[in-house]
Structures are given as C-alpha cells and as structure tokens.
Amino acid sequence: MAQIHHFDHGWITPTVSYVLSVLGSMLGLTCAVRFRSAAGRGERVWWLTLGSVSIGGTAIWSMHFVAMMGFAVVGTPIRYDVGLTAASALLAVFAVGVGLAIALLGKGAQNLRIVTGGVVAGLGVAAMHYTGMAAMKLNGDVTYGMSRVGLSIGIAVVAAAVALWLAVTVRRPIVIFAAALVMGIAVNGMHFTGMTAMSVSTRPAAGDLPGATASGMLVPIGLAVVFGIIGLAYALMSAPTEEDRAAAAYLAQRRQEAAARIPRQTAPETTMGGGLRSSAWTYRDRSSR
C-alpha cells in the first residue's frame, strides 16, 4: 500500500477548508432565516436557492476541494476529471436544496420533514464526496474500507439533519454563528473520515495521466468561490429584513393617517348664472367623508 498524506501542505488546507465551511454555513442559515420571513413564493424560492448554494456549494463542496489540495499519494501524481468534479459540485447544491425544501416547505410534521430532508441531503453530500474522489486519476488502484465509508455516510446524514433543524429554528445572529462553528466541524469530520477509508496500491506509470491538476483548477474555482461569497453577502445585506418591512408598513400607515387629517381646498361653487354662490373658499376635511 502506498503512503497517503492528507495534510501535504501542513495545516493550511484544513484551516482554510474549515473557514469556508463555517462561512458557507453562516450564509446558508441566514438565508434560511430570510426564507421564513419571505413575503411571497418567488422570494422564498430565491432564498431557498441561495441557501442551497451557500451550504452545498461553499460550506460543503468548496471545503471538499480545498481539503483535497492537501491530499497526496507517495509515488504517483494526481489528476482530476473536470467533468466529474463539476458534477460533484452540482450534486452537493442539488442535494442540499432538496433537503432544505423538504424541511422548510410545509407546516405539519416538522420533525419528520427534518429527518427526511436530512437523510436525502446527507446521502447526497456523501455521494458528492465519493464522486469527487472518483474524479481523481492516479497510477494505482483505489480501495475503500467499508466500515469507514459507512461511518462517513452516517456522519453526513446526522450533520445534514442537524443543519436542517438549525435552518428551521435559529434566528439570532450569535446562535447562527455558534451553529456554523458546529456545522464546520461536522462537515470536515465527514470529509476526513471518508478520506481515511481510502487505500491506494500504486503501479508503474503507463503514460501521462489525463485530467487537470489541483493547482490548475485552483484559480478558476477560487475566483468562483470568492465572487460567489461576495454575491451572497451582497444579496443578504441589500434585501429588506422582517424589521425593515415592519418599519416601512408603520411609516406608510402614519403617512396615511396624517394625510387624512389635512383639510382639502375645493373650488368656489357657482350658480346657474355664473355667479358665485359663496364668496369664500370652502374647506372640507377628508376625514368627514
């Protein structure tokens, strides 16, 4: 068996991957709060989509990709199938989106919906992880210890269920931050548990490996993640909150009440002959009507 390094660059990659998972979790949970206070169907779909991208794309898949930057196998280079790598990202976003929809949409049987959504999202996240692993090309044969694989899937399901429960219940920023710290630990725990299940038997190189290097994909994926996070943060900051809507409704009501108390000036009435019936202007209060 070949020697495997999970932290080939030291603690840089696990630290960055944890920060990404916490940041994505914070954005996703905040989107869930906005979803619960959304005024219409279109707005709920918008926040559901952003929450799926935040948790599935940033907290889970981006964390997975950064952590893989520190993965190395002694005796063989590693290349990545770009198509499978992109498919794993879409799978993570889709699975989290379905899980969020199950947990957030509807009114009855909340606990059952959370558990069901957690199972769906957790299995999807585990599928994302092993699809990303299947995208690796190296000079060797890869095998997995099934007990560790089962444990990683179990962690993924439990972590997803807890994430959905938090998405349904939390509101306060300090609670969201604490929940994101816990979610970051769970996401990273699932990833590295799955990675420890992997064993590699190297073989002589038969030619150049197809695919892209991790460093070659770092720039486009890194830019996508950075601009995605900026866009998500801007969407959250620019969207009106529940307090903003309540304040706007209160001000609108006060303006209506003030307008109703202002007297309205009317034109002088005339007689059939064209003369003025009254030489003074008359005032009527709108409220008298």
C-alpha atoms as a PDB file:
ATOM      1  CA  MET A   1       0.000   0.000   0.000  1.00  0.00           C
ATOM      2  CA  ALA A   2       1.209   3.463  -0.861  1.00  0.00           C
ATOM      3  CA  GLN A   3       1.719   6.086   1.790  1.00  0.00           C
ATOM      4  CA  ILE A   4      -1.037   8.719   1.827  1.00  0.00           C
ATOM      5  CA  HIS A   5      -0.714  12.286   3.090  1.00  0.00           C
ATOM      6  CA  HIS A   6      -3.903  14.154   3.986  1.00  0.00           C
ATOM      7  CA  PHE A   7      -2.097  17.332   5.084  1.00  0.00           C
ATOM      8  CA  ASP A   8       0.622  17.637   2.457  1.00  0.00           C
ATOM      9  CA  HIS A   9       0.745  21.428   2.920  1.00  0.00           C
ATOM     10  CA  GLY A  10       0.533  21.330   6.696  1.00  0.00           C
ATOM     11  CA  TRP A  11      -2.416  22.902   8.478  1.00  0.00           C
ATOM     12  CA  ILE A  12      -3.093  25.483   5.758  1.00  0.00           C
ATOM     13  CA  THR A  13      -5.604  23.412   3.779  1.00  0.00           C
ATOM     14  CA  PRO A  14      -7.639  22.087   6.738  1.00  0.00           C
ATOM     15  CA  THR A  15      -7.746  25.578   8.257  1.00  0.00           C
ATOM     16  CA  VAL A  16      -8.975  27.191   5.027  1.00  0.00           C
ATOM     17  CA  SER A  17     -11.462  24.369   4.452  1.00  0.00           C
ATOM     18  CA  TYR A  18     -12.880  24.824   7.960  1.00  0.00           C
ATOM     19  CA  VAL A  19     -13.186  28.590   7.495  1.00  0.00           C
ATOM     20  CA  LEU A  20     -15.028  28.031   4.202  1.00  0.00           C
ATOM     21  CA  SER A  21     -17.409  25.541   5.775  1.00  0.00           C
ATOM     22  CA  VAL A  22     -18.186  27.928   8.657  1.00  0.00           C
ATOM     23  CA  LEU A  23     -18.657  30.909   6.324  1.00  0.00           C
ATOM     24  CA  GLY A  24     -20.899  28.938   3.968  1.00  0.00           C
ATOM     25  CA  SER A  25     -22.933  27.638   6.904  1.00  0.00           C
ATOM     26  CA  MET A  26     -23.429  31.157   8.268  1.00  0.00           C
ATOM     27  CA  LEU A  27     -24.616  32.441   4.902  1.00  0.00           C
ATOM     28  CA  GLY A  28     -26.895  29.430   4.413  1.00  0.00           C
ATOM     29  CA  LEU A  29     -28.509  29.692   7.850  1.00  0.00           C
ATOM     30  CA  THR A  30     -29.047  33.422   7.329  1.00  0.00           C
ATOM     31  CA  CYS A  31     -30.744  32.653   4.001  1.00  0.00           C
ATOM     32  CA  ALA A  32     -32.981  30.186   5.844  1.00  0.00           C
ATOM     33  CA  VAL A  33     -33.993  32.944   8.281  1.00  0.00           C
ATOM     34  CA  ARG A  34     -34.870  35.194   5.336  1.00  0.00           C
ATOM     35  CA  PHE A  35     -36.807  32.310   3.767  1.00  0.00           C
ATOM     36  CA  ARG A  36     -39.031  32.001   6.833  1.00  0.00           C
ATOM     37  CA  SER A  37     -39.874  35.727   6.737  1.00  0.00           C
ATOM     38  CA  ALA A  38     -40.296  35.912   2.936  1.00  0.00           C
ATOM     39  CA  ALA A  39     -43.431  37.662   1.713  1.00  0.00           C
ATOM     40  CA  GLY A  40     -44.175  35.639  -1.416  1.00  0.00           C
ATOM     41  CA  ARG A  41     -43.442  32.435  -3.294  1.00  0.00           C
ATOM     42  CA  GLY A  42     -40.852  33.973  -5.607  1.00  0.00           C
ATOM     43  CA  GLU A  43     -38.938  35.390  -2.666  1.00  0.00           C
ATOM     44  CA  ARG A  44     -38.985  32.020  -0.877  1.00  0.00           C
ATOM     45  CA  VAL A  45     -37.609  30.287  -3.984  1.00  0.00           C
ATOM     46  CA  TRP A  46     -34.873  32.919  -4.171  1.00  0.00           C
ATOM     47  CA  TRP A  47     -33.732  32.404  -0.582  1.00  0.00           C
ATOM     48  CA  LEU A  48     -34.001  28.624  -0.911  1.00  0.00           C
ATOM     49  CA  THR A  49     -31.717  28.753  -3.949  1.00  0.00           C
ATOM     50  CA  LEU A  50     -29.185  30.993  -2.227  1.00  0.00           C
ATOM     51  CA  GLY A  51     -29.245  28.791   0.876  1.00  0.00           C
ATOM     52  CA  SER A  52     -28.563  25.714  -1.250  1.00  0.00           C
ATOM     53  CA  VAL A  53     -25.617  27.385  -2.958  1.00  0.00           C
ATOM     54  CA  SER A  54     -24.269  28.683   0.369  1.00  0.00           C
ATOM     55  CA  ILE A  55     -24.376  25.366   2.215  1.00  0.00           C
ATOM     56  CA  GLY A  56     -23.979  22.922  -0.669  1.00  0.00           C
ATOM     57  CA  GLY A  57     -21.544  24.945  -2.754  1.00  0.00           C
ATOM     58  CA  THR A  58     -19.483  26.868  -0.200  1.00  0.00           C
ATOM     59  CA  ALA A  59     -19.781  25.034   3.115  1.00  0.00           C
ATOM     60  CA  ILE A  60     -19.530  21.526   1.665  1.00  0.00           C
ATOM     61  CA  TRP A  61     -18.120  21.342  -1.859  1.00  0.00           C
ATOM     62  CA  SER A  62     -15.613  24.208  -1.615  1.00  0.00           C
ATOM     63  CA  MET A  63     -14.417  22.782   1.686  1.00  0.00           C
ATOM     64  CA  HIS A  64     -14.012  19.388  -0.014  1.00  0.00           C
ATOM     65  CA  PHE A  65     -11.986  20.834  -2.895  1.00  0.00           C
ATOM     66  CA  VAL A  66      -9.647  22.846  -0.647  1.00  0.00           C
ATOM     67  CA  ALA A  67      -9.074  19.836   1.605  1.00  0.00           C
ATOM     68  CA  MET A  68      -8.181  17.777  -1.464  1.00  0.00           C
ATOM     69  CA  MET A  69      -5.408  20.266  -2.208  1.00  0.00           C
ATOM     70  CA  GLY A  70      -3.580  18.757   0.748  1.00  0.00           C
ATOM     71  CA  PHE A  71      -4.111  15.153  -0.398  1.00  0.00           C
ATOM     72  CA  ALA A  72      -1.095  13.363  -1.880  1.00  0.00           C
ATOM     73  CA  VAL A  73      -0.058   9.770  -2.595  1.00  0.00           C
ATOM     74  CA  VAL A  74       3.631   8.897  -2.490  1.00  0.00           C
ATOM     75  CA  GLY A  75       4.823   7.523  -5.823  1.00  0.00           C
ATOM     76  CA  THR A  76       2.167   8.924  -8.151  1.00  0.00           C
ATOM     77  CA  PRO A  77       0.881  12.303  -9.348  1.00  0.00           C
ATOM     78  CA  ILE A  78      -2.838  13.083  -9.083  1.00  0.00           C
ATOM     79  CA  ARG A  79      -5.059  14.499 -11.779  1.00  0.00           C
ATOM     80  CA  TYR A  80      -8.768  15.343 -11.729  1.00  0.00           C
ATOM     81  CA  ASP A  81     -11.553  14.703 -14.203  1.00  0.00           C
ATOM     82  CA  VAL A  82     -13.033  18.173 -14.697  1.00  0.00           C
ATOM     83  CA  GLY A  83     -16.464  16.854 -15.684  1.00  0.00           C
ATOM     84  CA  LEU A  84     -16.835  14.648 -12.598  1.00  0.00           C
ATOM     85  CA  THR A  85     -15.510  17.430 -10.383  1.00  0.00           C
ATOM     86  CA  ALA A  86     -18.149  19.826 -11.708  1.00  0.00           C
ATOM     87  CA  ALA A  87     -20.814  17.112 -11.342  1.00  0.00           C
ATOM     88  CA  SER A  88     -19.886  16.657  -7.677  1.00  0.00           C
ATOM     89  CA  ALA A  89     -20.403  20.389  -7.078  1.00  0.00           C
ATOM     90  CA  LEU A  90     -23.834  20.354  -8.719  1.00  0.00           C
ATOM     91  CA  LEU A  91     -24.748  17.223  -6.772  1.00  0.00           C
ATOM     92  CA  ALA A  92     -23.937  18.924  -3.454  1.00  0.00           C
ATOM     93  CA  VAL A  93     -26.026  22.011  -4.273  1.00  0.00           C
ATOM     94  CA  PHE A  94     -28.945  19.933  -5.559  1.00  0.00           C
ATOM     95  CA  ALA A  95     -28.966  17.547  -2.573  1.00  0.00           C
ATOM     96  CA  VAL A  96     -28.886  20.383  -0.054  1.00  0.00           C
ATOM     97  CA  GLY A  97     -31.603  22.224  -1.991  1.00  0.00           C
ATOM     98  CA  VAL A  98     -33.916  19.201  -1.889  1.00  0.00           C
ATOM     99  CA  GLY A  99     -33.230  18.723   1.812  1.00  0.00           C
ATOM    100  CA  LEU A 100     -33.954  22.386   2.565  1.00  0.00           C
ATOM    101  CA  ALA A 101     -37.153  22.283   0.512  1.00  0.00           C
ATOM    102  CA  ILE A 102     -38.409  19.237   2.408  1.00  0.00           C
ATOM    103  CA  ALA A 103     -37.607  20.785   5.790  1.00  0.00           C
ATOM    104  CA  LEU A 104     -38.734  24.363   5.143  1.00  0.00           C
ATOM    105  CA  LEU A 105     -41.775  23.896   2.915  1.00  0.00           C
ATOM    106  CA  GLY A 106     -44.966  22.768   4.588  1.00  0.00           C
ATOM    107  CA  LYS A 107     -46.421  23.276   8.039  1.00  0.00           C
ATOM    108  CA  GLY A 108     -47.125  19.877   9.599  1.00  0.00           C
ATOM    109  CA  ALA A 109     -44.897  17.047  10.847  1.00  0.00           C
ATOM    110  CA  GLN A 110     -41.871  19.283  11.187  1.00  0.00           C
ATOM    111  CA  ASN A 111     -39.621  16.704  12.869  1.00  0.00           C
ATOM    112  CA  LEU A 112     -40.428  14.109  10.223  1.00  0.00           C
ATOM    113  CA  ARG A 113     -39.666  16.597   7.456  1.00  0.00           C
ATOM    114  CA  ILE A 114     -36.332  17.479   9.078  1.00  0.00           C
ATOM    115  CA  VAL A 115     -35.325  13.822   9.383  1.00  0.00           C
ATOM    116  CA  THR A 116     -36.424  13.047   5.818  1.00  0.00           C
ATOM    117  CA  GLY A 117     -34.637  16.087   4.447  1.00  0.00           C
ATOM    118  CA  GLY A 118     -31.545  15.185   6.483  1.00  0.00           C
ATOM    119  CA  VAL A 119     -31.431  11.690   5.019  1.00  0.00           C
ATOM    120  CA  VAL A 120     -31.822  12.992   1.465  1.00  0.00           C
ATOM    121  CA  ALA A 121     -29.265  15.788   1.894  1.00  0.00           C
ATOM    122  CA  GLY A 122     -26.824  13.570   3.815  1.00  0.00           C
ATOM    123  CA  LEU A 123     -26.856  10.845   1.191  1.00  0.00           C
ATOM    124  CA  GLY A 124     -26.408  13.479  -1.496  1.00  0.00           C
ATOM    125  CA  VAL A 125     -23.438  15.014   0.334  1.00  0.00           C
ATOM    126  CA  ALA A 126     -21.840  11.578   0.745  1.00  0.00           C
ATOM    127  CA  ALA A 127     -22.437  10.932  -2.962  1.00  0.00           C
ATOM    128  CA  MET A 128     -20.768  14.265  -3.722  1.00  0.00           C
ATOM    129  CA  HIS A 129     -17.728  13.281  -1.678  1.00  0.00           C
ATOM    130  CA  TYR A 130     -17.217   9.915  -3.349  1.00  0.00           C
ATOM    131  CA  THR A 131     -17.974  11.354  -6.796  1.00  0.00           C
ATOM    132  CA  GLY A 132     -15.208  13.859  -6.149  1.00  0.00           C
ATOM    133  CA  MET A 133     -12.930  11.013  -5.117  1.00  0.00           C
ATOM    134  CA  ALA A 134     -13.833   9.100  -8.286  1.00  0.00           C
ATOM    135  CA  ALA A 135     -12.701  12.156 -10.266  1.00  0.00           C
ATOM    136  CA  MET A 136      -9.123  11.510  -9.090  1.00  0.00           C
ATOM    137  CA  LYS A 137      -6.791   9.874 -11.594  1.00  0.00           C
ATOM    138  CA  LEU A 138      -3.568   8.303 -10.334  1.00  0.00           C
ATOM    139  CA  ASN A 139      -1.182   5.474 -11.108  1.00  0.00           C
ATOM    140  CA  GLY A 140      -2.691   2.933  -8.789  1.00  0.00           C
ATOM    141  CA  ASP A 141      -5.780   1.109  -7.611  1.00  0.00           C
ATOM    142  CA  VAL A 142      -8.048   2.723  -5.019  1.00  0.00           C
ATOM    143  CA  THR A 143      -9.951   0.691  -2.431  1.00  0.00           C
ATOM    144  CA  TYR A 144     -12.162   1.728   0.467  1.00  0.00           C
ATOM    145  CA  GLY A 145     -12.716   0.290   3.919  1.00  0.00           C
ATOM    146  CA  MET A 146     -16.464  -0.162   4.065  1.00  0.00           C
ATOM    147  CA  SER A 147     -16.737   0.443   7.812  1.00  0.00           C
ATOM    148  CA  ARG A 148     -15.164   3.886   7.425  1.00  0.00           C
ATOM    149  CA  VAL A 149     -17.334   4.569   4.383  1.00  0.00           C
ATOM    150  CA  GLY A 150     -20.446   3.686   6.363  1.00  0.00           C
ATOM    151  CA  LEU A 151     -19.301   5.895   9.233  1.00  0.00           C
ATOM    152  CA  SER A 152     -18.729   8.839   6.910  1.00  0.00           C
ATOM    153  CA  ILE A 153     -22.203   8.414   5.399  1.00  0.00           C
ATOM    154  CA  GLY A 154     -23.702   8.269   8.884  1.00  0.00           C
ATOM    155  CA  ILE A 155     -21.888  11.476   9.847  1.00  0.00           C
ATOM    156  CA  ALA A 156     -23.145  13.135   6.653  1.00  0.00           C
ATOM    157  CA  VAL A 157     -26.777  12.209   7.382  1.00  0.00           C
ATOM    158  CA  VAL A 158     -26.625  13.315  11.015  1.00  0.00           C
ATOM    159  CA  ALA A 159     -24.823  16.541  10.108  1.00  0.00           C
ATOM    160  CA  ALA A 160     -27.389  17.305   7.404  1.00  0.00           C
ATOM    161  CA  ALA A 161     -30.308  16.660   9.766  1.00  0.00           C
ATOM    162  CA  VAL A 162     -28.777  18.936  12.402  1.00  0.00           C
ATOM    163  CA  ALA A 163     -28.152  21.601   9.756  1.00  0.00           C
ATOM    164  CA  LEU A 164     -31.786  21.445   8.632  1.00  0.00           C
ATOM    165  CA  TRP A 165     -33.020  21.612  12.223  1.00  0.00           C
ATOM    166  CA  LEU A 166     -30.900  24.732  12.713  1.00  0.00           C
ATOM    167  CA  ALA A 167     -32.219  26.175   9.443  1.00  0.00           C
ATOM    168  CA  VAL A 168     -35.778  25.761  10.737  1.00  0.00           C
ATOM    169  CA  THR A 169     -35.220  27.064  14.280  1.00  0.00           C
ATOM    170  CA  VAL A 170     -32.368  29.569  14.636  1.00  0.00           C
ATOM    171  CA  ARG A 171     -32.830  33.321  14.217  1.00  0.00           C
ATOM    172  CA  ARG A 172     -30.378  35.268  16.383  1.00  0.00           C
ATOM    173  CA  PRO A 173     -27.008  36.127  14.785  1.00  0.00           C
ATOM    174  CA  ILE A 174     -24.975  34.835  17.738  1.00  0.00           C
ATOM    175  CA  VAL A 175     -26.809  31.499  17.566  1.00  0.00           C
ATOM    176  CA  ILE A 176     -26.238  31.322  13.806  1.00  0.00           C
ATOM    177  CA  PHE A 177     -22.519  31.897  14.348  1.00  0.00           C
ATOM    178  CA  ALA A 178     -22.281  29.188  17.015  1.00  0.00           C
ATOM    179  CA  ALA A 179     -24.277  26.783  14.834  1.00  0.00           C
ATOM    180  CA  ALA A 180     -21.955  27.475  11.879  1.00  0.00           C
ATOM    181  CA  LEU A 181     -18.927  26.585  14.007  1.00  0.00           C
ATOM    182  CA  VAL A 182     -20.533  23.230  14.860  1.00  0.00           C
ATOM    183  CA  MET A 183     -21.567  22.611  11.247  1.00  0.00           C
ATOM    184  CA  GLY A 184     -17.993  23.287  10.126  1.00  0.00           C
ATOM    185  CA  ILE A 185     -16.712  20.589  12.468  1.00  0.00           C
ATOM    186  CA  ALA A 186     -19.331  18.123  11.208  1.00  0.00           C
ATOM    187  CA  VAL A 187     -18.627  18.792   7.515  1.00  0.00           C
ATOM    188  CA  ASN A 188     -14.870  18.459   7.947  1.00  0.00           C
ATOM    189  CA  GLY A 189     -15.334  15.370  10.112  1.00  0.00           C
ATOM    190  CA  MET A 190     -17.359  13.687   7.377  1.00  0.00           C
ATOM    191  CA  HIS A 191     -14.765  14.550   4.732  1.00  0.00           C
ATOM    192  CA  PHE A 192     -11.688  13.342   6.581  1.00  0.00           C
ATOM    193  CA  THR A 193     -13.467  10.224   7.860  1.00  0.00           C
ATOM    194  CA  GLY A 194     -14.213   9.312   4.261  1.00  0.00           C
ATOM    195  CA  MET A 195     -10.639  10.086   3.246  1.00  0.00           C
ATOM    196  CA  THR A 196      -9.215   7.758   5.904  1.00  0.00           C
ATOM    197  CA  ALA A 197     -11.273   4.942   4.381  1.00  0.00           C
ATOM    198  CA  MET A 198      -9.176   5.153   1.237  1.00  0.00           C
ATOM    199  CA  SER A 199      -6.183   2.939   0.416  1.00  0.00           C
ATOM    200  CA  VAL A 200      -4.020   3.076  -2.724  1.00  0.00           C
ATOM    201  CA  SER A 201      -1.850   0.404  -4.338  1.00  0.00           C
ATOM    202  CA  THR A 202       0.461   2.118  -6.815  1.00  0.00           C
ATOM    203  CA  ARG A 203       1.528   0.649 -10.143  1.00  0.00           C
ATOM    204  CA  PRO A 204       4.054   1.740 -12.769  1.00  0.00           C
ATOM    205  CA  ALA A 205       3.022   4.703 -14.879  1.00  0.00           C
ATOM    206  CA  ALA A 206       1.615   3.782 -18.292  1.00  0.00           C
ATOM    207  CA  GLY A 207       1.843   7.308 -19.633  1.00  0.00           C
ATOM    208  CA  ASP A 208       0.733  10.790 -18.740  1.00  0.00           C
ATOM    209  CA  LEU A 209      -2.362  10.900 -16.569  1.00  0.00           C
ATOM    210  CA  PRO A 210      -5.362  12.624 -18.142  1.00  0.00           C
ATOM    211  CA  GLY A 211      -7.115  15.465 -16.386  1.00  0.00           C
ATOM    212  CA  ALA A 212      -6.272  18.723 -14.635  1.00  0.00           C
ATOM    213  CA  THR A 213      -4.032  19.297 -11.668  1.00  0.00           C
ATOM    214  CA  ALA A 214      -5.483  20.624  -8.418  1.00  0.00           C
ATOM    215  CA  SER A 215      -3.339  23.756  -8.708  1.00  0.00           C
ATOM    216  CA  GLY A 216      -4.567  24.282 -12.264  1.00  0.00           C
ATOM    217  CA  MET A 217      -8.185  24.287 -11.081  1.00  0.00           C
ATOM    218  CA  LEU A 218      -7.436  26.429  -8.044  1.00  0.00           C
ATOM    219  CA  VAL A 219      -7.619  29.799  -9.801  1.00  0.00           C
ATOM    220  CA  PRO A 220     -10.977  29.382 -11.616  1.00  0.00           C
ATOM    221  CA  ILE A 221     -12.618  27.619  -8.681  1.00  0.00           C
ATOM    222  CA  GLY A 222     -11.122  30.084  -6.207  1.00  0.00           C
ATOM    223  CA  LEU A 223     -12.435  33.049  -8.191  1.00  0.00           C
ATOM    224  CA  ALA A 224     -15.860  31.428  -8.460  1.00  0.00           C
ATOM    225  CA  VAL A 225     -15.970  30.864  -4.703  1.00  0.00           C
ATOM    226  CA  VAL A 226     -14.799  34.392  -3.865  1.00  0.00           C
ATOM    227  CA  PHE A 227     -17.266  36.105  -6.200  1.00  0.00           C
ATOM    228  CA  GLY A 228     -19.994  33.724  -5.075  1.00  0.00           C
ATOM    229  CA  ILE A 229     -19.449  34.619  -1.420  1.00  0.00           C
ATOM    230  CA  ILE A 230     -19.390  38.334  -2.245  1.00  0.00           C
ATOM    231  CA  GLY A 231     -22.619  37.981  -4.228  1.00  0.00           C
ATOM    232  CA  LEU A 232     -24.330  36.057  -1.447  1.00  0.00           C
ATOM    233  CA  ALA A 233     -23.236  38.603   1.153  1.00  0.00           C
ATOM    234  CA  TYR A 234     -24.465  41.481  -1.037  1.00  0.00           C
ATOM    235  CA  ALA A 235     -27.832  39.773  -1.564  1.00  0.00           C
ATOM    236  CA  LEU A 236     -28.254  39.358   2.189  1.00  0.00           C
ATOM    237  CA  MET A 237     -27.241  42.927   3.001  1.00  0.00           C
ATOM    238  CA  SER A 238     -29.365  44.563   0.307  1.00  0.00           C
ATOM    239  CA  ALA A 239     -32.558  42.549   0.907  1.00  0.00           C
ATOM    240  CA  PRO A 240     -35.067  44.036   3.372  1.00  0.00           C
ATOM    241  CA  THR A 241     -35.368  42.234   6.673  1.00  0.00           C
ATOM    242  CA  GLU A 242     -38.553  41.491   8.588  1.00  0.00           C
ATOM    243  CA  GLU A 243     -37.856  44.536  10.781  1.00  0.00           C
ATOM    244  CA  ASP A 244     -37.403  46.711   7.672  1.00  0.00           C
ATOM    245  CA  ARG A 245     -40.797  45.607   6.334  1.00  0.00           C
ATOM    246  CA  ALA A 246     -42.484  46.285   9.671  1.00  0.00           C
ATOM    247  CA  ALA A 247     -40.924  49.753   9.843  1.00  0.00           C
ATOM    248  CA  ALA A 248     -41.955  50.561   6.260  1.00  0.00           C
ATOM    249  CA  ALA A 249     -45.527  49.418   6.948  1.00  0.00           C
ATOM    250  CA  TYR A 250     -45.644  51.555  10.107  1.00  0.00           C
ATOM    251  CA  LEU A 251     -44.390  54.651   8.278  1.00  0.00           C
ATOM    252  CA  ALA A 252     -46.865  54.096   5.439  1.00  0.00           C
ATOM    253  CA  GLN A 253     -49.711  53.871   7.941  1.00  0.00           C
ATOM    254  CA  ARG A 254     -48.598  57.061   9.677  1.00  0.00           C
ATOM    255  CA  ARG A 255     -48.464  58.889   6.346  1.00  0.00           C
ATOM    256  CA  GLN A 256     -51.992  57.760   5.511  1.00  0.00           C
ATOM    257  CA  GLU A 257     -53.269  58.917   8.895  1.00  0.00           C
ATOM    258  CA  ALA A 258     -51.537  62.285   8.519  1.00  0.00           C
ATOM    259  CA  ALA A 259     -52.922  62.762   5.004  1.00  0.00           C
ATOM    260  CA  ALA A 260     -56.445  62.008   6.220  1.00  0.00           C
ATOM    261  CA  ARG A 261     -56.225  64.853   8.778  1.00  0.00           C
ATOM    262  CA  ILE A 262     -55.118  67.524   6.272  1.00  0.00           C
ATOM    263  CA  PRO A 263     -58.074  69.706   5.043  1.00  0.00           C
ATOM    264  CA  ARG A 264     -58.665  69.688   1.295  1.00  0.00           C
ATOM    265  CA  GLN A 265     -59.237  73.024  -0.503  1.00  0.00           C
ATOM    266  CA  THR A 266     -62.086  72.980  -3.043  1.00  0.00           C
ATOM    267  CA  ALA A 267     -63.001  75.392  -5.825  1.00  0.00           C
ATOM    268  CA  PRO A 268     -65.826  78.009  -5.184  1.00  0.00           C
ATOM    269  CA  GLU A 269     -69.296  76.885  -6.166  1.00  0.00           C
ATOM    270  CA  THR A 270     -71.136  78.863  -8.860  1.00  0.00           C
ATOM    271  CA  THR A 271     -74.801  79.390  -9.625  1.00  0.00           C
ATOM    272  CA  MET A 272     -76.527  78.646 -12.910  1.00  0.00           C
ATOM    273  CA  GLY A 273     -75.976  82.258 -13.949  1.00  0.00           C
ATOM    274  CA  GLY A 274     -72.329  82.034 -13.400  1.00  0.00           C
ATOM    275  CA  GLY A 275     -72.262  83.979 -10.134  1.00  0.00           C
ATOM    276  CA  LEU A 276     -70.573  82.797  -7.036  1.00  0.00           C
ATOM    277  CA  ARG A 277     -72.841  81.086  -4.556  1.00  0.00           C
ATOM    278  CA  SER A 278     -70.337  81.887  -1.841  1.00  0.00           C
ATOM    279  CA  SER A 279     -67.593  84.442  -1.980  1.00  0.00           C
ATOM    280  CA  ALA A 280     -65.392  82.429   0.405  1.00  0.00           C
ATOM    281  CA  TRP A 281     -63.420  79.273  -0.313  1.00  0.00           C
ATOM    282  CA  THR A 282     -64.846  76.222   1.425  1.00  0.00           C
ATOM    283  CA  TYR A 283     -62.790  73.610   3.240  1.00  0.00           C
ATOM    284  CA  ARG A 284     -63.661  70.069   3.753  1.00  0.00           C
ATOM    285  CA  ASP A 285     -61.900  67.595   5.945  1.00  0.00           C
ATOM    286  CA  ARG A 286     -61.239  64.267   4.228  1.00  0.00           C
ATOM    287  CA  SER A 287     -61.958  62.540   7.478  1.00  0.00           C
ATOM    288  CA  SER A 288     -65.550  63.886   7.428  1.00  0.00           C
ATOM    289  CA  ARG A 289     -66.145  61.791   4.329  1.00  0.00           C
END
